[in-house]
């Protein structure tokens, strides 16, 4: 992947669960890191295939590999 293709800044978030002072669980998305990525719209066949797995997928985001990133991150 050429660096010139990575023109958009994106923030990847990880789901976190903590407990407040009253013992109530607080679930939220916390920023994990920000990086450069390529954001591309899906077209034709890719869009139809993606909808089978997700309720609404309209773009593809490509970035450099990070071994510690998981499928649960967004």
N, C-alpha and C. Protein backbone atom coordinates (compact mmCIF):
# COMPACT_ATOMS: atom_id res chain seq x y z
N UNK A 1 0.84 -1.17 0.00
CA UNK A 1 0.00 0.00 0.00
C UNK A 1 0.89 1.24 0.00
N UNK A 2 0.66 2.12 -0.95
CA UNK A 2 1.45 3.34 -1.04
C UNK A 2 0.92 4.37 -0.05
N UNK A 3 1.83 5.13 0.53
CA UNK A 3 1.44 6.15 1.50
C UNK A 3 0.54 7.21 0.88
N UNK A 4 0.66 7.43 -0.42
CA UNK A 4 -0.16 8.42 -1.10
C UNK A 4 -1.64 8.07 -1.11
N UNK A 5 -1.98 6.79 -0.96
CA UNK A 5 -3.38 6.35 -0.93
C UNK A 5 -4.04 6.66 0.41
N UNK A 6 -3.25 6.83 1.45
CA UNK A 6 -3.77 7.05 2.80
C UNK A 6 -3.98 8.54 3.02
N UNK A 7 -5.16 9.05 2.65
CA UNK A 7 -5.39 10.49 2.66
C UNK A 7 -6.38 10.95 3.73
N UNK A 8 -7.00 10.05 4.45
CA UNK A 8 -8.01 10.41 5.46
C UNK A 8 -7.52 10.03 6.85
N UNK A 9 -7.81 10.88 7.85
CA UNK A 9 -7.50 10.55 9.24
C UNK A 9 -8.71 9.83 9.83
N UNK A 10 -8.48 8.66 10.43
CA UNK A 10 -9.55 7.90 11.08
C UNK A 10 -9.14 7.58 12.51
N UNK A 11 -10.13 7.45 13.37
CA UNK A 11 -9.90 7.06 14.76
C UNK A 11 -10.53 5.71 14.99
N UNK A 12 -9.76 4.77 15.48
CA UNK A 12 -10.25 3.42 15.80
C UNK A 12 -10.61 3.41 17.28
N UNK A 13 -11.77 2.83 17.59
CA UNK A 13 -12.25 2.80 18.97
C UNK A 13 -12.39 1.36 19.45
N UNK A 14 -12.26 1.18 20.77
CA UNK A 14 -12.42 -0.13 21.40
C UNK A 14 -13.50 -0.02 22.47
N UNK A 15 -14.37 -1.03 22.54
CA UNK A 15 -15.45 -1.06 23.52
C UNK A 15 -14.88 -1.29 24.91
N UNK A 16 -15.27 -0.45 25.87
CA UNK A 16 -14.79 -0.60 27.24
C UNK A 16 -15.97 -0.66 28.20
N UNK A 17 -15.77 -1.35 29.28
CA UNK A 17 -16.79 -1.47 30.32
C UNK A 17 -16.12 -1.18 31.66
N UNK A 18 -16.61 -0.16 32.36
CA UNK A 18 -16.08 0.21 33.67
C UNK A 18 -17.24 0.33 34.65
N UNK A 19 -16.90 0.57 35.90
CA UNK A 19 -17.91 0.72 36.95
C UNK A 19 -17.71 2.09 37.58
N UNK A 20 -18.82 2.85 37.76
CA UNK A 20 -18.69 4.15 38.40
C UNK A 20 -18.69 4.02 39.92
N UNK A 21 -18.69 5.14 40.61
CA UNK A 21 -18.63 5.13 42.08
C UNK A 21 -19.82 4.49 42.76
N UNK A 22 -20.93 4.40 42.09
CA UNK A 22 -22.14 3.79 42.64
C UNK A 22 -22.27 2.31 42.28
N UNK A 23 -21.32 1.80 41.55
CA UNK A 23 -21.35 0.40 41.15
C UNK A 23 -22.12 0.14 39.87
N UNK A 24 -22.51 1.19 39.18
CA UNK A 24 -23.25 1.06 37.93
C UNK A 24 -22.28 0.83 36.77
N UNK A 25 -22.49 -0.20 35.97
CA UNK A 25 -21.58 -0.41 34.83
C UNK A 25 -21.76 0.68 33.77
N UNK A 26 -20.64 1.14 33.27
CA UNK A 26 -20.64 2.15 32.20
C UNK A 26 -19.96 1.52 31.00
N UNK A 27 -20.71 1.39 29.91
CA UNK A 27 -20.17 0.80 28.69
C UNK A 27 -20.09 1.90 27.63
N UNK A 28 -18.92 2.01 27.00
CA UNK A 28 -18.73 3.06 25.99
C UNK A 28 -17.61 2.67 25.04
N UNK A 29 -17.46 3.47 24.00
CA UNK A 29 -16.37 3.29 23.04
C UNK A 29 -15.28 4.30 23.36
N UNK A 30 -14.06 3.83 23.57
CA UNK A 30 -12.93 4.70 23.88
C UNK A 30 -11.98 4.73 22.68
N UNK A 31 -11.43 5.90 22.36
CA UNK A 31 -10.47 5.98 21.25
C UNK A 31 -9.24 5.11 21.52
N UNK A 32 -8.85 4.33 20.54
CA UNK A 32 -7.69 3.45 20.67
C UNK A 32 -6.47 4.09 20.02
N UNK A 33 -6.62 4.56 18.78
CA UNK A 33 -5.55 5.27 18.09
C UNK A 33 -6.13 6.00 16.88
N UNK A 34 -5.37 6.95 16.35
CA UNK A 34 -5.73 7.68 15.15
C UNK A 34 -4.64 7.47 14.12
N UNK A 35 -5.04 7.21 12.88
CA UNK A 35 -4.04 6.94 11.84
C UNK A 35 -4.56 7.41 10.48
N UNK A 36 -3.68 7.35 9.48
CA UNK A 36 -4.05 7.66 8.11
C UNK A 36 -4.62 6.41 7.46
N UNK A 37 -5.68 6.58 6.66
CA UNK A 37 -6.33 5.45 6.00
C UNK A 37 -6.90 5.88 4.66
N UNK A 38 -7.25 4.88 3.85
CA UNK A 38 -7.93 5.11 2.57
C UNK A 38 -9.40 4.76 2.77
N UNK A 39 -10.29 5.72 2.55
CA UNK A 39 -11.73 5.51 2.69
C UNK A 39 -12.33 5.51 1.30
N UNK A 40 -12.93 4.37 0.92
CA UNK A 40 -13.45 4.18 -0.44
C UNK A 40 -14.89 3.71 -0.38
N UNK A 41 -15.78 4.23 -1.22
CA UNK A 41 -17.15 3.72 -1.25
C UNK A 41 -17.21 2.33 -1.89
N UNK A 42 -18.11 1.49 -1.40
CA UNK A 42 -18.32 0.17 -2.01
C UNK A 42 -19.24 0.34 -3.21
N UNK A 43 -18.99 -0.47 -4.24
CA UNK A 43 -19.80 -0.38 -5.45
C UNK A 43 -20.34 -1.75 -5.84
N UNK A 44 -21.51 -1.75 -6.45
CA UNK A 44 -22.10 -2.94 -7.05
C UNK A 44 -22.09 -4.19 -6.21
N UNK A 45 -21.40 -5.21 -6.67
CA UNK A 45 -21.38 -6.53 -6.06
C UNK A 45 -20.83 -6.50 -4.63
N UNK A 46 -19.81 -5.69 -4.38
CA UNK A 46 -19.24 -5.60 -3.04
C UNK A 46 -20.28 -5.10 -2.03
N UNK A 47 -21.08 -4.11 -2.42
CA UNK A 47 -22.08 -3.55 -1.53
C UNK A 47 -23.15 -4.59 -1.19
N UNK A 48 -23.61 -5.35 -2.18
CA UNK A 48 -24.64 -6.37 -1.95
C UNK A 48 -24.09 -7.48 -1.06
N UNK A 49 -22.86 -7.92 -1.28
CA UNK A 49 -22.26 -8.97 -0.46
C UNK A 49 -22.04 -8.49 0.96
N UNK A 50 -21.66 -7.25 1.16
CA UNK A 50 -21.40 -6.72 2.49
C UNK A 50 -22.68 -6.60 3.30
N UNK A 51 -23.79 -6.33 2.66
CA UNK A 51 -25.04 -6.18 3.40
C UNK A 51 -25.50 -7.49 4.01
N UNK A 52 -25.05 -8.61 3.50
CA UNK A 52 -25.44 -9.90 4.06
C UNK A 52 -24.88 -10.05 5.47
N UNK A 53 -23.75 -9.40 5.76
CA UNK A 53 -23.12 -9.52 7.07
C UNK A 53 -23.44 -8.34 7.98
N UNK A 54 -23.67 -7.19 7.44
CA UNK A 54 -23.91 -5.99 8.22
C UNK A 54 -25.23 -5.36 7.81
N UNK A 55 -25.81 -4.58 8.71
CA UNK A 55 -27.05 -3.92 8.37
C UNK A 55 -26.83 -2.75 7.42
N UNK A 56 -25.70 -2.04 7.56
CA UNK A 56 -25.41 -0.90 6.69
C UNK A 56 -23.91 -0.75 6.51
N UNK A 57 -23.41 -1.16 5.37
CA UNK A 57 -22.00 -1.01 5.04
C UNK A 57 -21.93 -0.26 3.72
N UNK A 58 -21.35 0.93 3.74
CA UNK A 58 -21.31 1.73 2.52
C UNK A 58 -19.89 2.09 2.10
N UNK A 59 -18.90 1.88 2.97
CA UNK A 59 -17.52 2.22 2.64
C UNK A 59 -16.55 1.14 3.08
N UNK A 60 -15.39 1.16 2.47
CA UNK A 60 -14.28 0.28 2.85
C UNK A 60 -13.18 1.18 3.37
N UNK A 61 -12.62 0.82 4.52
CA UNK A 61 -11.52 1.59 5.10
C UNK A 61 -10.30 0.70 5.13
N UNK A 62 -9.24 1.15 4.46
CA UNK A 62 -7.99 0.38 4.43
C UNK A 62 -6.91 1.17 5.15
N UNK A 63 -6.17 0.48 6.03
CA UNK A 63 -5.06 1.11 6.74
C UNK A 63 -3.96 0.09 6.91
N UNK A 64 -2.82 0.53 7.40
CA UNK A 64 -1.70 -0.37 7.61
C UNK A 64 -2.02 -1.38 8.72
N UNK A 65 -1.42 -2.56 8.63
CA UNK A 65 -1.67 -3.65 9.57
C UNK A 65 -1.19 -3.30 10.98
N UNK A 66 -2.02 -3.65 11.96
CA UNK A 66 -1.65 -3.52 13.37
C UNK A 66 -1.99 -4.84 14.04
N UNK A 67 -0.98 -5.60 14.52
CA UNK A 67 -1.23 -6.95 15.04
C UNK A 67 -2.09 -6.98 16.29
N UNK A 68 -2.15 -5.93 17.06
CA UNK A 68 -2.91 -5.92 18.31
C UNK A 68 -4.35 -5.47 18.12
N UNK A 69 -4.74 -5.11 16.91
CA UNK A 69 -6.11 -4.70 16.64
C UNK A 69 -6.97 -5.94 16.46
N UNK A 70 -8.22 -5.92 16.97
CA UNK A 70 -9.10 -7.08 16.88
C UNK A 70 -10.34 -6.75 16.05
N UNK A 71 -11.14 -7.76 15.75
CA UNK A 71 -12.36 -7.57 14.96
C UNK A 71 -13.43 -6.84 15.76
N UNK A 72 -13.31 -6.78 17.08
CA UNK A 72 -14.29 -6.08 17.91
C UNK A 72 -14.08 -4.56 17.91
N UNK A 73 -12.95 -4.09 17.42
CA UNK A 73 -12.70 -2.65 17.36
C UNK A 73 -13.48 -2.05 16.20
N UNK A 74 -13.79 -0.76 16.33
CA UNK A 74 -14.51 -0.09 15.23
C UNK A 74 -13.79 1.17 14.86
